[in-house]
Amino acid sequence: MKVMIVDDHTVVRKGLVFYLNTIEDMEIVGEANNGEEALQKLKTVQPDLILMDLFMPKLNGMEATNQIKTLYPHVKILVLSSFSDKDHVIPALQAGADGYQLKDIDPEQLVETMRAVLNGENKLHDKVTKFVLNRIATPMSEEEQAIELLTKREREVLVEIASGYSNKEIADRLGITEKTVKTHLSHVFSKLHVSDRTQAALFAVKHSLL
């Protein structure tokens, strides 16, 4: 199994590399500390499976998973995260992740999970299975699905819009540039299927995002 590890925590990433290199039938073909770097490396390496962290700079794990699955649908992605709540689990699976495990998983169990995912099984940690079952029992509306696609920063920008702040004020409040605010706005409008700030603000109020 050819494996790529994507995690911005060097100690975690190197620890996984060290351990997995001791497994006879596994080969580490790439490392990346964010989703953007992973996409660049995928142009030259061909992993069978990617171990993906969620919170990383530049391009987070959910966005990276979505893009990788679009460009390389044959590559399996196993999320390895510290978070087990539905606000992380559901968006990751919606982005196309083939499995979701927590970082406190036993190393031997991780290897078993990786092999199962490569064989086409969707493996979830016991702590996150209930969220998936609840979601199946109560399907989301299209608008709820759209909200789930928003990144944490996009949600923050949406809340600021609904609060009546200008792009410059949002930039100052969030510590980012106006250009970045405009980029996030573009993504928000696209994901929510709205055409302007007023519609976006009404959407936020309707779904109690403030």
N, C-alpha and C. Protein backbone atom coordinates (compact mmCIF):
# COMPACT_ATOMS: atom_id res chain seq x y z
N MET A 1 0.84 -1.19 0.00
CA MET A 1 0.00 0.00 0.00
C MET A 1 0.88 1.25 0.00
N LYS A 2 0.65 2.12 -0.97
CA LYS A 2 1.37 3.39 -1.04
C LYS A 2 0.57 4.44 -0.28
N VAL A 3 1.22 5.09 0.68
CA VAL A 3 0.51 5.99 1.60
C VAL A 3 1.10 7.40 1.57
N MET A 4 0.20 8.40 1.60
CA MET A 4 0.61 9.79 1.81
C MET A 4 0.03 10.25 3.14
N ILE A 5 0.80 11.01 3.91
CA ILE A 5 0.35 11.52 5.20
C ILE A 5 0.27 13.04 5.14
N VAL A 6 -0.91 13.58 5.45
CA VAL A 6 -1.13 15.02 5.39
C VAL A 6 -1.52 15.52 6.78
N ASP A 7 -0.60 16.21 7.43
CA ASP A 7 -0.85 16.69 8.79
C ASP A 7 0.13 17.82 9.08
N ASP A 8 -0.35 18.93 9.63
CA ASP A 8 0.53 20.08 9.87
C ASP A 8 1.32 19.95 11.16
N HIS A 9 1.03 18.94 11.97
CA HIS A 9 1.82 18.71 13.18
C HIS A 9 2.97 17.77 12.85
N THR A 10 4.17 18.31 12.85
CA THR A 10 5.34 17.54 12.42
C THR A 10 5.56 16.29 13.25
N VAL A 11 5.39 16.41 14.57
CA VAL A 11 5.61 15.25 15.44
C VAL A 11 4.64 14.12 15.10
N VAL A 12 3.38 14.48 14.89
CA VAL A 12 2.36 13.48 14.54
C VAL A 12 2.70 12.84 13.19
N ARG A 13 3.02 13.70 12.22
CA ARG A 13 3.31 13.20 10.86
C ARG A 13 4.52 12.29 10.85
N LYS A 14 5.59 12.71 11.51
CA LYS A 14 6.82 11.92 11.52
C LYS A 14 6.62 10.63 12.32
N GLY A 15 5.79 10.70 13.36
CA GLY A 15 5.51 9.50 14.14
C GLY A 15 4.78 8.46 13.30
N LEU A 16 3.82 8.92 12.50
CA LEU A 16 3.09 8.01 11.61
C LEU A 16 4.03 7.42 10.56
N VAL A 17 4.90 8.27 10.01
CA VAL A 17 5.85 7.79 9.01
C VAL A 17 6.75 6.71 9.61
N PHE A 18 7.27 6.98 10.80
CA PHE A 18 8.17 6.03 11.45
C PHE A 18 7.47 4.69 11.69
N TYR A 19 6.23 4.76 12.21
CA TYR A 19 5.53 3.52 12.52
C TYR A 19 5.12 2.76 11.26
N LEU A 20 4.52 3.44 10.31
CA LEU A 20 4.03 2.77 9.12
C LEU A 20 5.15 2.21 8.26
N ASN A 21 6.33 2.80 8.35
CA ASN A 21 7.48 2.27 7.62
C ASN A 21 7.94 0.92 8.17
N THR A 22 7.47 0.58 9.37
CA THR A 22 7.82 -0.73 9.94
C THR A 22 6.86 -1.83 9.47
N ILE A 23 5.78 -1.42 8.80
CA ILE A 23 4.80 -2.39 8.29
C ILE A 23 5.25 -2.87 6.92
N GLU A 24 5.42 -4.16 6.81
CA GLU A 24 6.06 -4.75 5.63
C GLU A 24 5.40 -4.38 4.31
N ASP A 25 4.07 -4.33 4.28
CA ASP A 25 3.40 -4.11 3.00
C ASP A 25 2.97 -2.66 2.79
N MET A 26 3.60 -1.71 3.51
CA MET A 26 3.26 -0.30 3.35
C MET A 26 4.49 0.52 2.96
N GLU A 27 4.25 1.54 2.12
CA GLU A 27 5.32 2.43 1.67
C GLU A 27 4.82 3.87 1.74
N ILE A 28 5.56 4.72 2.44
CA ILE A 28 5.22 6.14 2.51
C ILE A 28 5.78 6.82 1.26
N VAL A 29 4.87 7.31 0.41
CA VAL A 29 5.32 7.92 -0.85
C VAL A 29 5.24 9.44 -0.83
N GLY A 30 4.71 9.99 0.26
CA GLY A 30 4.64 11.45 0.33
C GLY A 30 4.17 11.95 1.68
N GLU A 31 4.62 13.17 2.01
CA GLU A 31 4.18 13.87 3.22
C GLU A 31 3.80 15.29 2.84
N ALA A 32 2.84 15.85 3.55
CA ALA A 32 2.46 17.24 3.32
C ALA A 32 1.94 17.83 4.62
N ASN A 33 2.18 19.13 4.83
CA ASN A 33 1.71 19.75 6.07
C ASN A 33 0.44 20.58 5.89
N ASN A 34 -0.14 20.52 4.68
CA ASN A 34 -1.46 21.13 4.45
C ASN A 34 -2.04 20.59 3.15
N GLY A 35 -3.31 20.87 2.91
CA GLY A 35 -3.97 20.34 1.74
C GLY A 35 -3.41 20.86 0.43
N GLU A 36 -2.99 22.11 0.44
CA GLU A 36 -2.42 22.71 -0.78
C GLU A 36 -1.16 21.97 -1.20
N GLU A 37 -0.30 21.69 -0.23
CA GLU A 37 0.94 20.96 -0.53
C GLU A 37 0.63 19.54 -1.00
N ALA A 38 -0.40 18.93 -0.41
CA ALA A 38 -0.78 17.57 -0.81
C ALA A 38 -1.21 17.54 -2.27
N LEU A 39 -1.99 18.52 -2.69
CA LEU A 39 -2.45 18.58 -4.08
C LEU A 39 -1.28 18.75 -5.04
N GLN A 40 -0.29 19.53 -4.63
CA GLN A 40 0.90 19.71 -5.47
C GLN A 40 1.66 18.40 -5.61
N LYS A 41 1.82 17.68 -4.50
CA LYS A 41 2.59 16.44 -4.52
C LYS A 41 1.87 15.32 -5.27
N LEU A 42 0.55 15.40 -5.30
CA LEU A 42 -0.22 14.37 -6.02
C LEU A 42 0.01 14.43 -7.53
N LYS A 43 0.61 15.50 -7.99
CA LYS A 43 0.92 15.61 -9.41
C LYS A 43 2.09 14.69 -9.80
N THR A 44 2.87 14.30 -8.79
CA THR A 44 4.06 13.48 -9.08
C THR A 44 4.07 12.14 -8.36
N VAL A 45 3.27 12.00 -7.29
CA VAL A 45 3.22 10.71 -6.58
C VAL A 45 1.80 10.15 -6.67
N GLN A 46 1.69 8.85 -6.60
CA GLN A 46 0.39 8.20 -6.74
C GLN A 46 0.11 7.29 -5.55
N PRO A 47 -0.36 7.85 -4.43
CA PRO A 47 -0.68 7.01 -3.27
C PRO A 47 -1.97 6.23 -3.49
N ASP A 48 -2.08 5.12 -2.81
CA ASP A 48 -3.33 4.36 -2.81
C ASP A 48 -4.28 4.93 -1.76
N LEU A 49 -3.67 5.47 -0.68
CA LEU A 49 -4.46 5.96 0.44
C LEU A 49 -3.79 7.17 1.07
N ILE A 50 -4.61 8.13 1.50
CA ILE A 50 -4.10 9.33 2.17
C ILE A 50 -4.65 9.37 3.59
N LEU A 51 -3.77 9.56 4.57
CA LEU A 51 -4.19 9.83 5.94
C LEU A 51 -4.30 11.35 6.05
N MET A 52 -5.50 11.85 6.32
CA MET A 52 -5.77 13.29 6.22
C MET A 52 -6.19 13.91 7.55
N ASP A 53 -5.44 14.90 7.99
CA ASP A 53 -5.84 15.70 9.15
C ASP A 53 -6.90 16.69 8.68
N LEU A 54 -7.65 17.29 9.60
CA LEU A 54 -8.69 18.23 9.20
C LEU A 54 -8.26 19.68 9.30
N PHE A 55 -7.73 20.10 10.46
CA PHE A 55 -7.39 21.50 10.64
C PHE A 55 -5.93 21.75 10.27
N MET A 56 -5.75 22.44 9.14
CA MET A 56 -4.42 22.76 8.63
C MET A 56 -4.47 24.14 7.97
N PRO A 57 -3.34 24.83 7.89
CA PRO A 57 -3.33 26.13 7.24
C PRO A 57 -3.45 26.01 5.72
N LYS A 58 -3.75 27.12 5.08
CA LYS A 58 -3.84 27.26 3.61
C LYS A 58 -5.02 26.51 3.02
N LEU A 59 -5.06 25.19 3.19
CA LEU A 59 -6.19 24.41 2.68
C LEU A 59 -6.46 23.30 3.69
N ASN A 60 -7.64 23.34 4.34
CA ASN A 60 -7.90 22.36 5.39
C ASN A 60 -8.26 21.00 4.82
N GLY A 61 -8.41 20.03 5.72
CA GLY A 61 -8.62 18.65 5.30
C GLY A 61 -9.92 18.40 4.57
N MET A 62 -10.99 19.11 4.95
CA MET A 62 -12.27 18.91 4.27
C MET A 62 -12.22 19.44 2.84
N GLU A 63 -11.65 20.63 2.67
CA GLU A 63 -11.54 21.19 1.33
C GLU A 63 -10.60 20.36 0.46
N ALA A 64 -9.49 19.93 1.07
CA ALA A 64 -8.52 19.12 0.32
C ALA A 64 -9.13 17.80 -0.10
N THR A 65 -9.89 17.18 0.80
CA THR A 65 -10.55 15.91 0.48
C THR A 65 -11.49 16.08 -0.70
N ASN A 66 -12.27 17.14 -0.67
CA ASN A 66 -13.21 17.41 -1.75
C ASN A 66 -12.50 17.55 -3.09
N GLN A 67 -11.40 18.32 -3.10
CA GLN A 67 -10.67 18.55 -4.35
C GLN A 67 -9.95 17.29 -4.82
N ILE A 68 -9.36 16.56 -3.90
CA ILE A 68 -8.63 15.34 -4.27
C ILE A 68 -9.58 14.30 -4.83
N LYS A 69 -10.75 14.16 -4.21
CA LYS A 69 -11.73 13.18 -4.68
C LYS A 69 -12.25 13.54 -6.08
N THR A 70 -12.28 14.83 -6.38
CA THR A 70 -12.71 15.28 -7.71
C THR A 70 -11.65 14.97 -8.76
N LEU A 71 -10.39 15.21 -8.39
CA LEU A 71 -9.28 15.02 -9.34
C LEU A 71 -8.78 13.58 -9.38
N TYR A 72 -8.79 12.92 -8.24
CA TYR A 72 -8.24 11.55 -8.15
C TYR A 72 -9.24 10.66 -7.40
N PRO A 73 -10.38 10.35 -8.01
CA PRO A 73 -11.43 9.60 -7.31
C PRO A 73 -11.02 8.21 -6.84
N HIS A 74 -9.95 7.66 -7.44
CA HIS A 74 -9.51 6.31 -7.05
C HIS A 74 -8.71 6.32 -5.75
N VAL A 75 -8.22 7.47 -5.33
CA VAL A 75 -7.40 7.56 -4.11
C VAL A 75 -8.32 7.50 -2.88
N LYS A 76 -8.03 6.60 -1.97
CA LYS A 76 -8.81 6.48 -0.74
C LYS A 76 -8.31 7.50 0.27
N ILE A 77 -9.25 8.10 1.02
CA ILE A 77 -8.87 9.10 2.03
C ILE A 77 -9.45 8.69 3.39
N LEU A 78 -8.56 8.51 4.35
CA LEU A 78 -8.95 8.19 5.72
C LEU A 78 -8.63 9.40 6.60
N VAL A 79 -9.65 10.04 7.11
CA VAL A 79 -9.45 11.18 8.01
C VAL A 79 -8.95 10.67 9.35
N LEU A 80 -7.91 11.33 9.85
CA LEU A 80 -7.36 11.00 11.17
C LEU A 80 -7.36 12.30 11.96
N SER A 81 -8.32 12.43 12.86
CA SER A 81 -8.57 13.72 13.52
C SER A 81 -8.64 13.59 15.03
N SER A 82 -8.53 14.74 15.70
CA SER A 82 -8.70 14.78 17.16
C SER A 82 -10.15 15.07 17.52
N PHE A 83 -10.97 15.40 16.52
CA PHE A 83 -12.35 15.83 16.78
C PHE A 83 -13.35 14.74 16.43
N SER A 84 -14.31 14.51 17.33
CA SER A 84 -15.30 13.46 17.11
C SER A 84 -16.73 14.00 17.07
N ASP A 85 -16.90 15.33 17.01
CA ASP A 85 -18.24 15.91 16.99
C ASP A 85 -18.80 15.95 15.57
N LYS A 86 -20.11 16.09 15.45
CA LYS A 86 -20.77 16.02 14.15
C LYS A 86 -20.38 17.17 13.23
N ASP A 87 -19.97 18.31 13.80
CA ASP A 87 -19.60 19.45 12.96
C ASP A 87 -18.31 19.19 12.18
N HIS A 88 -17.56 18.18 12.59
CA HIS A 88 -16.36 17.80 11.85
C HIS A 88 -16.58 16.51 11.06
N VAL A 89 -17.27 15.57 11.67
CA VAL A 89 -17.46 14.26 11.05
C VAL A 89 -18.30 14.34 9.77
N ILE A 90 -19.49 14.93 9.87
CA ILE A 90 -20.40 14.96 8.73
C ILE A 90 -19.82 15.69 7.53
N PRO A 91 -19.25 16.91 7.70
CA PRO A 91 -18.66 17.60 6.55
C PRO A 91 -17.51 16.81 5.90
N ALA A 92 -16.72 16.13 6.73
CA ALA A 92 -15.60 15.35 6.18
C ALA A 92 -16.12 14.21 5.31
N LEU A 93 -17.17 13.54 5.76
CA LEU A 93 -17.74 12.44 4.98
C LEU A 93 -18.44 12.97 3.74
N GLN A 94 -19.09 14.12 3.88
CA GLN A 94 -19.74 14.73 2.71
C GLN A 94 -18.71 15.15 1.66
N ALA A 95 -17.52 15.50 2.12
CA ALA A 95 -16.46 15.91 1.19
C ALA A 95 -15.91 14.71 0.41
N GLY A 96 -16.21 13.50 0.90
CA GLY A 96 -15.78 12.31 0.17
C GLY A 96 -14.85 11.38 0.92
N ALA A 97 -14.59 11.65 2.21
CA ALA A 97 -13.70 10.78 2.98
C ALA A 97 -14.24 9.35 3.02
N ASP A 98 -13.34 8.38 2.90
CA ASP A 98 -13.73 6.97 2.91
C ASP A 98 -13.77 6.38 4.31
N GLY A 99 -13.26 7.12 5.27
CA GLY A 99 -13.27 6.64 6.65
C GLY A 99 -12.92 7.79 7.58
N TYR A 100 -13.21 7.62 8.88
CA TYR A 100 -12.95 8.66 9.86
C TYR A 100 -12.52 7.99 11.16
N GLN A 101 -11.30 8.26 11.57
CA GLN A 101 -10.77 7.70 12.80
C GLN A 101 -10.17 8.80 13.66
N LEU A 102 -10.10 8.56 14.96
CA LEU A 102 -9.53 9.52 15.89
C LEU A 102 -8.05 9.22 16.13
N LYS A 103 -7.30 10.25 16.49
CA LYS A 103 -5.86 10.11 16.64
C LYS A 103 -5.45 9.27 17.84
N ASP A 104 -6.40 8.96 18.71
CA ASP A 104 -6.06 8.11 19.84
C ASP A 104 -6.24 6.62 19.51
N ILE A 105 -6.45 6.32 18.24
CA ILE A 105 -6.64 4.94 17.81
C ILE A 105 -5.37 4.12 18.06
N ASP A 106 -5.54 2.88 18.42
CA ASP A 106 -4.40 1.97 18.61
C ASP A 106 -3.68 1.80 17.26
N PRO A 107 -2.34 1.85 17.23
CA PRO A 107 -1.60 1.75 15.97
C PRO A 107 -1.95 0.53 15.13
N GLU A 108 -2.08 -0.62 15.77
CA GLU A 108 -2.42 -1.84 15.03
C GLU A 108 -3.82 -1.72 14.42
N GLN A 109 -4.73 -1.09 15.16
CA GLN A 109 -6.09 -0.91 14.66
C GLN A 109 -6.10 0.07 13.49
N LEU A 110 -5.22 1.06 13.54
CA LEU A 110 -5.11 2.02 12.43
C LEU A 110 -4.72 1.29 11.15
N VAL A 111 -3.74 0.42 11.26
CA VAL A 111 -3.29 -0.34 10.09
C VAL A 111 -4.43 -1.20 9.54
N GLU A 112 -5.18 -1.85 10.44
CA GLU A 112 -6.32 -2.66 10.00
C GLU A 112 -7.36 -1.80 9.29
N THR A 113 -7.58 -0.60 9.83
CA THR A 113 -8.55 0.31 9.23
C THR A 113 -8.09 0.75 7.85
N MET A 114 -6.82 1.05 7.72
CA MET A 114 -6.27 1.48 6.42
C MET A 114 -6.47 0.38 5.37
N ARG A 115 -6.21 -0.85 5.77
CA ARG A 115 -6.37 -1.97 4.83
C ARG A 115 -7.84 -2.15 4.46
N ALA A 116 -8.73 -1.98 5.43
CA ALA A 116 -10.16 -2.13 5.17
C ALA A 116 -10.65 -1.04 4.21
N VAL A 117 -10.20 0.19 4.43
CA VAL A 117 -10.58 1.30 3.55
C VAL A 117 -10.08 1.06 2.13
N LEU A 118 -8.85 0.57 2.02
CA LEU A 118 -8.29 0.29 0.70
C LEU A 118 -9.09 -0.79 -0.02
N ASN A 119 -9.69 -1.68 0.75
CA ASN A 119 -10.50 -2.76 0.18
C ASN A 119 -11.95 -2.35 -0.07
N GLY A 120 -12.23 -1.05 0.13
CA GLY A 120 -13.56 -0.55 -0.22
C GLY A 120 -14.53 -0.43 0.93
N GLU A 121 -14.08 -0.69 2.16
CA GLU A 121 -14.97 -0.55 3.32
C GLU A 121 -14.94 0.88 3.82
N ASN A 122 -16.07 1.38 4.30
CA ASN A 122 -16.14 2.69 4.92
C ASN A 122 -16.01 2.52 6.42
N LYS A 123 -14.85 2.85 6.96
CA LYS A 123 -14.57 2.59 8.37
C LYS A 123 -14.70 3.87 9.19
N LEU A 124 -15.51 3.78 10.25
CA LEU A 124 -15.72 4.92 11.14
C LEU A 124 -15.40 4.53 12.57
N HIS A 125 -14.84 5.47 13.32
CA HIS A 125 -14.61 5.25 14.73
C HIS A 125 -15.95 5.12 15.44
N ASP A 126 -16.01 4.30 16.47
CA ASP A 126 -17.26 4.07 17.19
C ASP A 126 -17.90 5.37 17.67
N LYS A 127 -17.07 6.34 18.07
CA LYS A 127 -17.59 7.59 18.62
C LYS A 127 -18.31 8.44 17.58
N VAL A 128 -18.02 8.22 16.30
CA VAL A 128 -18.62 9.06 15.26
C VAL A 128 -19.74 8.36 14.51
N THR A 129 -19.87 7.07 14.69
CA THR A 129 -20.91 6.31 13.97
C THR A 129 -22.30 6.83 14.27
N LYS A 130 -22.55 7.23 15.52
CA LYS A 130 -23.89 7.69 15.91
C LYS A 130 -24.32 8.91 15.12
N PHE A 131 -23.36 9.78 14.77
CA PHE A 131 -23.72 10.97 14.00
C PHE A 131 -24.21 10.59 12.61
N VAL A 132 -23.54 9.61 12.03
CA VAL A 132 -23.92 9.16 10.70
C VAL A 132 -25.29 8.50 10.73
N LEU A 133 -25.53 7.67 11.74
CA LEU A 133 -26.83 7.01 11.86
C LEU A 133 -27.95 8.03 12.09
N ASN A 134 -27.67 9.05 12.89
CA ASN A 134 -28.67 10.10 13.13
C ASN A 134 -28.95 10.88 11.86
N ARG A 135 -27.91 11.12 11.07
CA ARG A 135 -28.06 11.87 9.83
C ARG A 135 -28.87 11.08 8.82
N ILE A 136 -28.68 9.76 8.81
CA ILE A 136 -29.46 8.91 7.92
C ILE A 136 -30.93 8.92 8.34
N ALA A 137 -31.15 8.90 9.65
CA ALA A 137 -32.52 8.87 10.17
C ALA A 137 -33.25 10.19 9.93
N THR A 138 -32.50 11.31 9.96
CA THR A 138 -33.10 12.62 9.72
C THR A 138 -32.29 13.34 8.64
N PRO A 139 -32.58 13.06 7.38
CA PRO A 139 -31.84 13.65 6.27
C PRO A 139 -31.87 15.17 6.31
N MET A 140 -30.77 15.80 5.90
CA MET A 140 -30.69 17.25 5.88
C MET A 140 -31.41 17.82 4.67
N SER A 141 -31.93 19.03 4.83
CA SER A 141 -32.49 19.75 3.69
C SER A 141 -31.33 20.24 2.83
N GLU A 142 -31.65 20.72 1.64
CA GLU A 142 -30.59 21.23 0.75
C GLU A 142 -29.86 22.41 1.39
N GLU A 143 -30.60 23.27 2.10
CA GLU A 143 -29.98 24.42 2.74
C GLU A 143 -29.06 23.98 3.88
N GLU A 144 -29.48 22.97 4.63
CA GLU A 144 -28.63 22.45 5.71
C GLU A 144 -27.37 21.84 5.14
N GLN A 145 -27.49 21.14 4.02
CA GLN A 145 -26.32 20.57 3.37
C GLN A 145 -25.36 21.66 2.92
N ALA A 146 -25.93 22.77 2.43
CA ALA A 146 -25.10 23.90 1.98
C ALA A 146 -24.31 24.48 3.15
N ILE A 147 -24.96 24.60 4.31
CA ILE A 147 -24.28 25.14 5.50
C ILE A 147 -23.12 24.23 5.90
N GLU A 148 -23.34 22.92 5.82
CA GLU A 148 -22.30 21.96 6.21
C GLU A 148 -21.06 22.09 5.33
N LEU A 149 -21.23 22.59 4.11
CA LEU A 149 -20.09 22.72 3.20
C LEU A 149 -19.21 23.92 3.52
N LEU A 150 -19.74 24.85 4.32
CA LEU A 150 -18.96 26.04 4.67
C LEU A 150 -17.81 25.68 5.60
N THR A 151 -16.65 26.27 5.34
CA THR A 151 -15.53 26.09 6.25
C THR A 151 -15.76 26.97 7.49
N LYS A 152 -14.95 26.77 8.51
CA LYS A 152 -15.07 27.55 9.73
C LYS A 152 -14.91 29.04 9.42
N ARG A 153 -13.93 29.40 8.61
CA ARG A 153 -13.70 30.80 8.27
C ARG A 153 -14.84 31.38 7.45
N GLU A 154 -15.38 30.59 6.53
CA GLU A 154 -16.50 31.06 5.72
C GLU A 154 -17.72 31.33 6.59
N ARG A 155 -17.93 30.50 7.60
CA ARG A 155 -19.04 30.73 8.54
C ARG A 155 -18.82 32.03 9.30
N GLU A 156 -17.57 32.27 9.71
CA GLU A 156 -17.25 33.50 10.44
C GLU A 156 -17.54 34.73 9.58
N VAL A 157 -17.14 34.66 8.31
CA VAL A 157 -17.39 35.78 7.40
C VAL A 157 -18.89 35.98 7.21
N LEU A 158 -19.63 34.88 7.09
CA LEU A 158 -21.09 34.96 6.92
C LEU A 158 -21.74 35.63 8.12
N VAL A 159 -21.30 35.29 9.31
CA VAL A 159 -21.84 35.91 10.53
C VAL A 159 -21.55 37.40 10.55
N GLU A 160 -20.34 37.77 10.12
CA GLU A 160 -19.97 39.18 10.08
C GLU A 160 -20.84 39.95 9.08
N ILE A 161 -21.12 39.32 7.94
CA ILE A 161 -21.99 39.94 6.93
C ILE A 161 -23.37 40.18 7.53
N ALA A 162 -23.90 39.15 8.18
CA ALA A 162 -25.24 39.24 8.77
C ALA A 162 -25.29 40.28 9.89
N SER A 163 -24.13 40.57 10.47
CA SER A 163 -24.06 41.57 11.54
C SER A 163 -23.91 42.97 10.98
N GLY A 164 -23.81 43.09 9.66
CA GLY A 164 -23.79 44.39 9.01
C GLY A 164 -22.43 45.02 8.78
N TYR A 165 -21.36 44.25 8.93
CA TYR A 165 -20.03 44.81 8.76
C TYR A 165 -19.61 44.85 7.29
N SER A 166 -18.81 45.85 6.93
CA SER A 166 -18.28 45.97 5.58
C SER A 166 -17.09 45.03 5.41
N ASN A 167 -16.62 44.87 4.16
CA ASN A 167 -15.47 44.01 3.91
C ASN A 167 -14.25 44.46 4.70
N LYS A 168 -14.03 45.78 4.74
CA LYS A 168 -12.87 46.31 5.47
C LYS A 168 -12.99 46.02 6.96
N GLU A 169 -14.20 46.20 7.50
CA GLU A 169 -14.41 45.94 8.92
C GLU A 169 -14.25 44.45 9.23
N ILE A 170 -14.74 43.59 8.34
CA ILE A 170 -14.59 42.15 8.53
C ILE A 170 -13.12 41.77 8.52
N ALA A 171 -12.37 42.36 7.58
CA ALA A 171 -10.94 42.08 7.49
C ALA A 171 -10.23 42.45 8.79
N ASP A 172 -10.57 43.63 9.33
CA ASP A 172 -9.95 44.09 10.57
C ASP A 172 -10.34 43.20 11.75
N ARG A 173 -11.60 42.81 11.80
CA ARG A 173 -12.10 42.01 12.93
C ARG A 173 -11.54 40.59 12.92
N LEU A 174 -11.31 40.03 11.71
CA LEU A 174 -10.81 38.65 11.62
C LEU A 174 -9.31 38.57 11.40
N GLY A 175 -8.67 39.71 11.23
CA GLY A 175 -7.22 39.71 11.04
C GLY A 175 -6.78 39.16 9.70
N ILE A 176 -7.57 39.42 8.67
CA ILE A 176 -7.23 38.97 7.32
C ILE A 176 -7.32 40.15 6.36
N THR A 177 -6.94 39.97 5.11
CA THR A 177 -6.98 41.07 4.14
C THR A 177 -8.37 41.17 3.51
N GLU A 178 -8.64 42.35 2.93
CA GLU A 178 -9.92 42.52 2.24
C GLU A 178 -10.04 41.56 1.05
N LYS A 179 -8.92 41.31 0.40
CA LYS A 179 -8.92 40.37 -0.73
C LYS A 179 -9.36 38.98 -0.27
N THR A 180 -8.86 38.56 0.89
CA THR A 180 -9.23 37.26 1.43
C THR A 180 -10.71 37.23 1.80
N VAL A 181 -11.21 38.35 2.35
CA VAL A 181 -12.64 38.44 2.67
C VAL A 181 -13.47 38.25 1.41
N LYS A 182 -13.07 38.93 0.33
CA LYS A 182 -13.80 38.81 -0.94
C LYS A 182 -13.78 37.38 -1.46
N THR A 183 -12.65 36.70 -1.29
CA THR A 183 -12.55 35.30 -1.72
C THR A 183 -13.51 34.43 -0.93
N HIS A 184 -13.53 34.62 0.39
CA HIS A 184 -14.45 33.86 1.25
C HIS A 184 -15.91 34.17 0.88
N LEU A 185 -16.19 35.43 0.59
CA LEU A 185 -17.55 35.82 0.22
C LEU A 185 -17.99 35.10 -1.05
N SER A 186 -17.09 35.04 -2.00
CA SER A 186 -17.39 34.35 -3.26
C SER A 186 -17.74 32.89 -3.01
N HIS A 187 -16.97 32.24 -2.12
CA HIS A 187 -17.23 30.84 -1.78
C HIS A 187 -18.57 30.69 -1.05
N VAL A 188 -18.85 31.62 -0.15
CA VAL A 188 -20.11 31.59 0.61
C VAL A 188 -21.31 31.71 -0.34
N PHE A 189 -21.25 32.70 -1.24
CA PHE A 189 -22.34 32.91 -2.19
C PHE A 189 -22.56 31.67 -3.05
N SER A 190 -21.46 31.07 -3.49
CA SER A 190 -21.54 29.90 -4.36
C SER A 190 -22.15 28.71 -3.63
N LYS A 191 -21.66 28.45 -2.40
CA LYS A 191 -22.12 27.28 -1.65
C LYS A 191 -23.57 27.42 -1.18
N LEU A 192 -23.99 28.66 -0.87
CA LEU A 192 -25.35 28.88 -0.37
C LEU A 192 -26.33 29.17 -1.51
N HIS A 193 -25.80 29.31 -2.72
CA HIS A 193 -26.62 29.61 -3.89
C HIS A 193 -27.38 30.92 -3.71
N VAL A 194 -26.65 31.93 -3.23
CA VAL A 194 -27.21 33.28 -3.11
C VAL A 194 -26.39 34.21 -3.98
N SER A 195 -26.94 35.38 -4.30
CA SER A 195 -26.27 36.26 -5.25
C SER A 195 -25.71 37.54 -4.63
N ASP A 196 -26.08 37.85 -3.38
CA ASP A 196 -25.56 39.07 -2.78
C ASP A 196 -25.52 38.97 -1.25
N ARG A 197 -25.01 40.02 -0.63
CA ARG A 197 -24.82 40.05 0.82
C ARG A 197 -26.15 39.97 1.57
N THR A 198 -27.16 40.65 1.03
CA THR A 198 -28.46 40.67 1.70
C THR A 198 -29.05 39.26 1.79
N GLN A 199 -28.99 38.53 0.66
CA GLN A 199 -29.50 37.16 0.66
C GLN A 199 -28.71 36.27 1.61
N ALA A 200 -27.40 36.49 1.63
CA ALA A 200 -26.54 35.70 2.53
C ALA A 200 -26.89 36.00 3.99
N ALA A 201 -27.11 37.28 4.31
CA ALA A 201 -27.45 37.68 5.68
C ALA A 201 -28.79 37.07 6.09
N LEU A 202 -29.77 37.10 5.19
CA LEU A 202 -31.08 36.52 5.48
C LEU A 202 -30.97 35.01 5.71
N PHE A 203 -30.11 34.37 4.91
CA PHE A 203 -29.86 32.93 5.06
C PHE A 203 -29.32 32.64 6.45
N ALA A 204 -28.35 33.44 6.89
CA ALA A 204 -27.74 33.25 8.20
C ALA A 204 -28.75 33.42 9.32
N VAL A 205 -29.61 34.44 9.19
CA VAL A 205 -30.63 34.68 10.22
C VAL A 205 -31.65 33.54 10.23
N LYS A 206 -32.06 33.09 9.04
CA LYS A 206 -33.06 32.03 8.93
C LYS A 206 -32.58 30.75 9.63
N HIS A 207 -31.28 30.47 9.52
CA HIS A 207 -30.75 29.23 10.08
C HIS A 207 -30.03 29.43 11.42
N SER A 208 -30.29 30.60 12.04
CA SER A 208 -29.79 30.89 13.40
C SER A 208 -28.28 30.71 13.50
N LEU A 209 -27.55 31.26 12.54
CA LEU A 209 -26.09 31.15 12.56
C LEU A 209 -25.43 32.27 13.34
N LEU A 210 -26.21 33.26 13.75
CA LEU A 210 -25.64 34.40 14.48
C LEU A 210 -25.41 34.03 15.95
